[in-house]
Amino acid sequence: MQTVSNVLNLVKAAIEPALKNARTVVDATAGNGHDTLFLAEHTVDEAKIYAFDIQETALNNTRVLTAKYAGRINYVLASHDKIAELVSEPIDVAMFNLGYLPGEEHCVTTKTESTMTAVKQVLDKLNCNGVCVIVAYPGHAAGAQEAASLEEFFAVLSKKNYTVGCYRLLNHARTAPYAYVVEKVLPVRH
């Protein structure tokens, strides 16, 4: 079993320092609630967490798993492309765990268009030294398209304003999940 090299474990370790001072945190894909729980466990009590998902089953699973922290979690039954409308504060940390809801139908997946819109909204709202992590799953058709769009977008993102890292398992299949870690280093002037 992978411990350190597991993509999700690495991403979580990468954002832990940013979570210590985070006041506004977004889980853009709540799923079964494991990432929301991680975010709640590693932020201060004053932090506000937004957990987005389009599936009621996912939000219900997240509510059950995070019940201890429910007072500071906003469970949002909406697409993550509504982040700009529904999160008024600047964002300190955001997390996207793309793909489909484990244990449910694989025909309901995150979509390239809404994911790209959501990622752009998060980066725009991200505070300086704020961090956004995205785990991509290119092992299914929708995930492969999403991963390709993310790579194309991040490859030309202003290095003056953002630092983007990519973590892939090189000795695994090209369809293995991988992660992007994006830190905003300078505000973008519009």
C-alpha atoms as a PDB file:
ATOM      1  CA  MET A   1       0.000   0.000   0.000  1.00  0.00           C
ATOM      2  CA  GLN A   2       1.293   3.454  -0.899  1.00  0.00           C
ATOM      3  CA  THR A   3       1.683   5.857   1.964  1.00  0.00           C
ATOM      4  CA  VAL A   4       3.774   8.868   0.991  1.00  0.00           C
ATOM      5  CA  SER A   5       3.549   8.469  -2.795  1.00  0.00           C
ATOM      6  CA  ASN A   6      -0.248   8.167  -2.868  1.00  0.00           C
ATOM      7  CA  VAL A   7      -1.481  11.193  -4.827  1.00  0.00           C
ATOM      8  CA  LEU A   8      -4.183  12.209  -2.324  1.00  0.00           C
ATOM      9  CA  ASN A   9      -1.838  11.820   0.652  1.00  0.00           C
ATOM     10  CA  LEU A  10       0.767  13.986  -1.052  1.00  0.00           C
ATOM     11  CA  VAL A  11      -1.780  16.682  -1.918  1.00  0.00           C
ATOM     12  CA  LYS A  12      -3.073  16.757   1.632  1.00  0.00           C
ATOM     13  CA  ALA A  13       0.462  17.062   3.004  1.00  0.00           C
ATOM     14  CA  ALA A  14       1.150  19.890   0.546  1.00  0.00           C
ATOM     15  CA  ILE A  15      -1.809  21.986   1.718  1.00  0.00           C
ATOM     16  CA  GLU A  16      -1.576  21.372   5.465  1.00  0.00           C
ATOM     17  CA  PRO A  17       0.662  24.423   6.094  1.00  0.00           C
ATOM     18  CA  ALA A  18      -1.791  26.679   4.224  1.00  0.00           C
ATOM     19  CA  LEU A  19      -4.740  25.280   6.188  1.00  0.00           C
ATOM     20  CA  LYS A  20      -3.307  26.446   9.518  1.00  0.00           C
ATOM     21  CA  ASN A  21      -4.098  30.090   8.677  1.00  0.00           C
ATOM     22  CA  ALA A  22      -7.004  29.523   6.305  1.00  0.00           C
ATOM     23  CA  ARG A  23     -10.283  31.274   7.013  1.00  0.00           C
ATOM     24  CA  THR A  24     -12.195  30.400   3.819  1.00  0.00           C
ATOM     25  CA  VAL A  25     -11.815  26.927   2.372  1.00  0.00           C
ATOM     26  CA  VAL A  26     -13.599  25.271  -0.566  1.00  0.00           C
ATOM     27  CA  ASP A  27     -14.071  21.593  -1.281  1.00  0.00           C
ATOM     28  CA  ALA A  28     -15.271  21.939  -4.865  1.00  0.00           C
ATOM     29  CA  THR A  29     -16.186  18.245  -5.145  1.00  0.00           C
ATOM     30  CA  ALA A  30     -17.478  16.989  -1.789  1.00  0.00           C
ATOM     31  CA  GLY A  31     -18.041  13.404  -2.927  1.00  0.00           C
ATOM     32  CA  ASN A  32     -18.289  11.097   0.073  1.00  0.00           C
ATOM     33  CA  GLY A  33     -16.895  13.785   2.376  1.00  0.00           C
ATOM     34  CA  HIS A  34     -13.364  12.535   3.042  1.00  0.00           C
ATOM     35  CA  ASP A  35     -11.691  15.688   1.712  1.00  0.00           C
ATOM     36  CA  THR A  36     -14.194  17.930   3.502  1.00  0.00           C
ATOM     37  CA  LEU A  37     -13.435  16.067   6.733  1.00  0.00           C
ATOM     38  CA  PHE A  38      -9.691  16.474   6.179  1.00  0.00           C
ATOM     39  CA  LEU A  39     -10.154  20.207   5.580  1.00  0.00           C
ATOM     40  CA  ALA A  40     -12.295  20.594   8.718  1.00  0.00           C
ATOM     41  CA  GLU A  41      -9.829  18.634  10.861  1.00  0.00           C
ATOM     42  CA  HIS A  42      -6.893  20.794   9.777  1.00  0.00           C
ATOM     43  CA  THR A  43      -8.382  24.296   9.930  1.00  0.00           C
ATOM     44  CA  VAL A  44      -9.046  26.559  12.895  1.00  0.00           C
ATOM     45  CA  ASP A  45     -12.507  26.665  14.438  1.00  0.00           C
ATOM     46  CA  GLU A  46     -13.166  30.081  12.882  1.00  0.00           C
ATOM     47  CA  ALA A  47     -12.628  28.772   9.355  1.00  0.00           C
ATOM     48  CA  LYS A  48     -15.612  28.600   7.037  1.00  0.00           C
ATOM     49  CA  ILE A  49     -15.734  25.610   4.704  1.00  0.00           C
ATOM     50  CA  TYR A  50     -17.850  25.334   1.575  1.00  0.00           C
ATOM     51  CA  ALA A  51     -18.543  21.785   0.362  1.00  0.00           C
ATOM     52  CA  PHE A  52     -19.968  21.699  -3.191  1.00  0.00           C
ATOM     53  CA  ASP A  53     -21.523  18.760  -4.990  1.00  0.00           C
ATOM     54  CA  ILE A  54     -24.237  18.290  -7.615  1.00  0.00           C
ATOM     55  CA  GLN A  55     -25.435  15.004  -6.122  1.00  0.00           C
ATOM     56  CA  GLU A  56     -27.643  14.993  -3.058  1.00  0.00           C
ATOM     57  CA  THR A  57     -26.285  11.556  -2.130  1.00  0.00           C
ATOM     58  CA  ALA A  58     -22.783  13.015  -2.027  1.00  0.00           C
ATOM     59  CA  LEU A  59     -23.776  15.914   0.203  1.00  0.00           C
ATOM     60  CA  ASN A  60     -25.701  13.588   2.522  1.00  0.00           C
ATOM     61  CA  ASN A  61     -22.633  11.336   2.806  1.00  0.00           C
ATOM     62  CA  THR A  62     -20.512  14.402   3.505  1.00  0.00           C
ATOM     63  CA  ARG A  63     -22.945  15.661   6.164  1.00  0.00           C
ATOM     64  CA  VAL A  64     -22.828  12.335   7.998  1.00  0.00           C
ATOM     65  CA  LEU A  65     -19.039  12.086   7.886  1.00  0.00           C
ATOM     66  CA  THR A  66     -18.471  15.710   8.954  1.00  0.00           C
ATOM     67  CA  ALA A  67     -21.300  16.043  11.507  1.00  0.00           C
ATOM     68  CA  LYS A  68     -18.837  17.057  14.238  1.00  0.00           C
ATOM     69  CA  TYR A  69     -17.871  20.122  12.167  1.00  0.00           C
ATOM     70  CA  ALA A  70     -21.280  20.941  10.664  1.00  0.00           C
ATOM     71  CA  GLY A  71     -21.458  24.343  12.366  1.00  0.00           C
ATOM     72  CA  ARG A  72     -18.738  25.716  10.107  1.00  0.00           C
ATOM     73  CA  ILE A  73     -19.449  23.834   6.893  1.00  0.00           C
ATOM     74  CA  ASN A  74     -21.807  25.169   4.231  1.00  0.00           C
ATOM     75  CA  TYR A  75     -23.108  22.157   2.291  1.00  0.00           C
ATOM     76  CA  VAL A  76     -23.898  23.458  -1.190  1.00  0.00           C
ATOM     77  CA  LEU A  77     -26.022  21.401  -3.585  1.00  0.00           C
ATOM     78  CA  ALA A  78     -24.728  23.069  -6.734  1.00  0.00           C
ATOM     79  CA  SER A  79     -22.094  22.730  -9.401  1.00  0.00           C
ATOM     80  CA  HIS A  80     -18.653  23.990  -8.525  1.00  0.00           C
ATOM     81  CA  ASP A  81     -18.990  26.460 -11.392  1.00  0.00           C
ATOM     82  CA  LYS A  82     -21.193  28.492  -9.008  1.00  0.00           C
ATOM     83  CA  ILE A  83     -18.310  29.204  -6.609  1.00  0.00           C
ATOM     84  CA  ALA A  84     -17.996  32.854  -7.664  1.00  0.00           C
ATOM     85  CA  GLU A  85     -21.713  33.386  -6.967  1.00  0.00           C
ATOM     86  CA  LEU A  86     -21.907  31.464  -3.690  1.00  0.00           C
ATOM     87  CA  VAL A  87     -18.577  32.201  -1.979  1.00  0.00           C
ATOM     88  CA  SER A  88     -18.333  35.916  -1.295  1.00  0.00           C
ATOM     89  CA  GLU A  89     -15.042  35.862   0.623  1.00  0.00           C
ATOM     90  CA  PRO A  90     -11.544  35.532  -0.820  1.00  0.00           C
ATOM     91  CA  ILE A  91     -10.439  31.872  -0.750  1.00  0.00           C
ATOM     92  CA  ASP A  92      -7.400  30.604   1.152  1.00  0.00           C
ATOM     93  CA  VAL A  93      -7.457  26.935   0.146  1.00  0.00           C
ATOM     94  CA  ALA A  94      -9.481  25.022  -2.446  1.00  0.00           C
ATOM     95  CA  MET A  95      -9.549  21.363  -3.312  1.00  0.00           C
ATOM     96  CA  PHE A  96     -10.899  19.564  -6.381  1.00  0.00           C
ATOM     97  CA  ASN A  97     -11.012  15.754  -6.440  1.00  0.00           C
ATOM     98  CA  LEU A  98     -12.405  15.210  -9.928  1.00  0.00           C
ATOM     99  CA  GLY A  99     -14.112  12.216 -11.496  1.00  0.00           C
ATOM    100  CA  TYR A 100     -17.166  10.377 -10.228  1.00  0.00           C
ATOM    101  CA  LEU A 101     -18.639   9.587  -6.826  1.00  0.00           C
ATOM    102  CA  PRO A 102     -17.056   6.360  -5.550  1.00  0.00           C
ATOM    103  CA  GLY A 103     -19.680   3.698  -5.062  1.00  0.00           C
ATOM    104  CA  GLU A 104     -22.198   5.348  -7.408  1.00  0.00           C
ATOM    105  CA  GLU A 105     -22.874   5.360 -11.145  1.00  0.00           C
ATOM    106  CA  HIS A 106     -19.809   6.284 -13.171  1.00  0.00           C
ATOM    107  CA  CYS A 107     -21.925   8.071 -15.769  1.00  0.00           C
ATOM    108  CA  VAL A 108     -22.202  11.122 -13.473  1.00  0.00           C
ATOM    109  CA  THR A 109     -18.767  12.761 -13.592  1.00  0.00           C
ATOM    110  CA  THR A 110     -17.258  16.177 -13.290  1.00  0.00           C
ATOM    111  CA  LYS A 111     -17.317  17.892 -16.683  1.00  0.00           C
ATOM    112  CA  THR A 112     -14.543  19.789 -18.422  1.00  0.00           C
ATOM    113  CA  GLU A 113     -16.549  22.973 -18.993  1.00  0.00           C
ATOM    114  CA  SER A 114     -17.796  23.365 -15.413  1.00  0.00           C
ATOM    115  CA  THR A 115     -14.442  22.302 -13.950  1.00  0.00           C
ATOM    116  CA  MET A 116     -12.498  24.825 -16.007  1.00  0.00           C
ATOM    117  CA  THR A 117     -14.975  27.563 -15.063  1.00  0.00           C
ATOM    118  CA  ALA A 118     -14.703  26.618 -11.388  1.00  0.00           C
ATOM    119  CA  VAL A 119     -10.900  26.460 -11.405  1.00  0.00           C
ATOM    120  CA  LYS A 120     -10.699  29.909 -13.037  1.00  0.00           C
ATOM    121  CA  GLN A 121     -13.161  31.306 -10.468  1.00  0.00           C
ATOM    122  CA  VAL A 122     -11.161  29.849  -7.580  1.00  0.00           C
ATOM    123  CA  LEU A 123      -7.848  31.173  -8.906  1.00  0.00           C
ATOM    124  CA  ASP A 124      -9.408  34.613  -9.336  1.00  0.00           C
ATOM    125  CA  LYS A 125     -10.700  34.579  -5.725  1.00  0.00           C
ATOM    126  CA  LEU A 126      -7.562  33.009  -4.250  1.00  0.00           C
ATOM    127  CA  ASN A 127      -5.662  35.107  -1.714  1.00  0.00           C
ATOM    128  CA  CYS A 128      -1.926  35.627  -2.150  1.00  0.00           C
ATOM    129  CA  ASN A 129      -0.185  32.478  -0.918  1.00  0.00           C
ATOM    130  CA  GLY A 130      -3.522  30.725  -1.233  1.00  0.00           C
ATOM    131  CA  VAL A 131      -3.403  27.193  -2.579  1.00  0.00           C
ATOM    132  CA  CYS A 132      -5.648  25.251  -4.934  1.00  0.00           C
ATOM    133  CA  VAL A 133      -5.156  21.520  -5.469  1.00  0.00           C
ATOM    134  CA  ILE A 134      -6.757  19.500  -8.236  1.00  0.00           C
ATOM    135  CA  VAL A 135      -6.639  15.723  -8.519  1.00  0.00           C
ATOM    136  CA  ALA A 136      -7.353  14.577 -12.089  1.00  0.00           C
ATOM    137  CA  TYR A 137      -8.467  11.095 -13.121  1.00  0.00           C
ATOM    138  CA  PRO A 138      -7.607  10.504 -16.790  1.00  0.00           C
ATOM    139  CA  GLY A 139      -8.606   6.822 -16.627  1.00  0.00           C
ATOM    140  CA  HIS A 140     -12.094   7.391 -18.089  1.00  0.00           C
ATOM    141  CA  ALA A 141     -13.186   9.375 -21.150  1.00  0.00           C
ATOM    142  CA  ALA A 142     -14.575  12.444 -19.340  1.00  0.00           C
ATOM    143  CA  GLY A 143     -11.590  12.471 -16.988  1.00  0.00           C
ATOM    144  CA  ALA A 144      -9.086  12.294 -19.839  1.00  0.00           C
ATOM    145  CA  GLN A 145     -10.672  15.304 -21.536  1.00  0.00           C
ATOM    146  CA  GLU A 146     -10.746  17.210 -18.245  1.00  0.00           C
ATOM    147  CA  ALA A 147      -7.090  16.369 -17.509  1.00  0.00           C
ATOM    148  CA  ALA A 148      -5.984  17.512 -20.982  1.00  0.00           C
ATOM    149  CA  SER A 149      -7.811  20.838 -20.597  1.00  0.00           C
ATOM    150  CA  LEU A 150      -6.299  21.429 -17.170  1.00  0.00           C
ATOM    151  CA  GLU A 151      -2.790  20.720 -18.430  1.00  0.00           C
ATOM    152  CA  GLU A 152      -3.237  23.074 -21.375  1.00  0.00           C
ATOM    153  CA  PHE A 153      -4.564  25.818 -19.083  1.00  0.00           C
ATOM    154  CA  PHE A 154      -1.894  25.450 -16.388  1.00  0.00           C
ATOM    155  CA  ALA A 155       0.962  25.296 -18.913  1.00  0.00           C
ATOM    156  CA  VAL A 156       0.321  28.919 -19.921  1.00  0.00           C
ATOM    157  CA  LEU A 157      -0.853  30.333 -16.581  1.00  0.00           C
ATOM    158  CA  SER A 158       1.117  33.459 -15.668  1.00  0.00           C
ATOM    159  CA  LYS A 159       4.222  32.430 -13.705  1.00  0.00           C
ATOM    160  CA  LYS A 160       4.334  35.977 -12.367  1.00  0.00           C
ATOM    161  CA  ASN A 161       1.053  35.361 -10.546  1.00  0.00           C
ATOM    162  CA  TYR A 162       0.967  31.599  -9.956  1.00  0.00           C
ATOM    163  CA  THR A 163       3.271  28.690  -9.299  1.00  0.00           C
ATOM    164  CA  VAL A 164       1.908  25.385 -10.633  1.00  0.00           C
ATOM    165  CA  GLY A 165       3.307  21.980  -9.779  1.00  0.00           C
ATOM    166  CA  CYS A 166       2.226  18.606 -11.097  1.00  0.00           C
ATOM    167  CA  TYR A 167       2.690  15.308  -9.289  1.00  0.00           C
ATOM    168  CA  ARG A 168       2.470  12.115 -11.392  1.00  0.00           C
ATOM    169  CA  LEU A 169       3.477   8.552 -10.713  1.00  0.00           C
ATOM    170  CA  LEU A 170       5.917   8.001 -13.571  1.00  0.00           C
ATOM    171  CA  ASN A 171       6.179   4.235 -13.235  1.00  0.00           C
ATOM    172  CA  HIS A 172       2.392   3.745 -13.231  1.00  0.00           C
ATOM    173  CA  ALA A 173      -0.050   3.757 -16.140  1.00  0.00           C
ATOM    174  CA  ARG A 174      -0.508   7.133 -17.882  1.00  0.00           C
ATOM    175  CA  THR A 175      -4.145   6.873 -16.801  1.00  0.00           C
ATOM    176  CA  ALA A 176      -3.256   6.886 -13.076  1.00  0.00           C
ATOM    177  CA  PRO A 177      -4.595   9.861 -11.094  1.00  0.00           C
ATOM    178  CA  TYR A 178      -2.282  12.839 -10.704  1.00  0.00           C
ATOM    179  CA  ALA A 179      -2.409  16.190  -8.972  1.00  0.00           C
ATOM    180  CA  TYR A 180      -1.803  19.864  -9.601  1.00  0.00           C
ATOM    181  CA  VAL A 181      -0.845  22.215  -6.784  1.00  0.00           C
ATOM    182  CA  VAL A 182      -1.344  25.903  -7.609  1.00  0.00           C
ATOM    183  CA  GLU A 183      -0.193  28.734  -5.360  1.00  0.00           C
ATOM    184  CA  LYS A 184      -1.073  32.341  -6.024  1.00  0.00           C
ATOM    185  CA  VAL A 185       2.062  34.418  -5.542  1.00  0.00           C
ATOM    186  CA  LEU A 186       0.923  37.829  -6.800  1.00  0.00           C
ATOM    187  CA  PRO A 187      -2.536  39.343  -7.378  1.00  0.00           C
ATOM    188  CA  VAL A 188      -3.737  39.437 -10.959  1.00  0.00           C
ATOM    189  CA  ARG A 189      -4.564  42.907 -12.253  1.00  0.00           C
ATOM    190  CA  HIS A 190      -7.647  42.990 -14.445  1.00  0.00           C
END
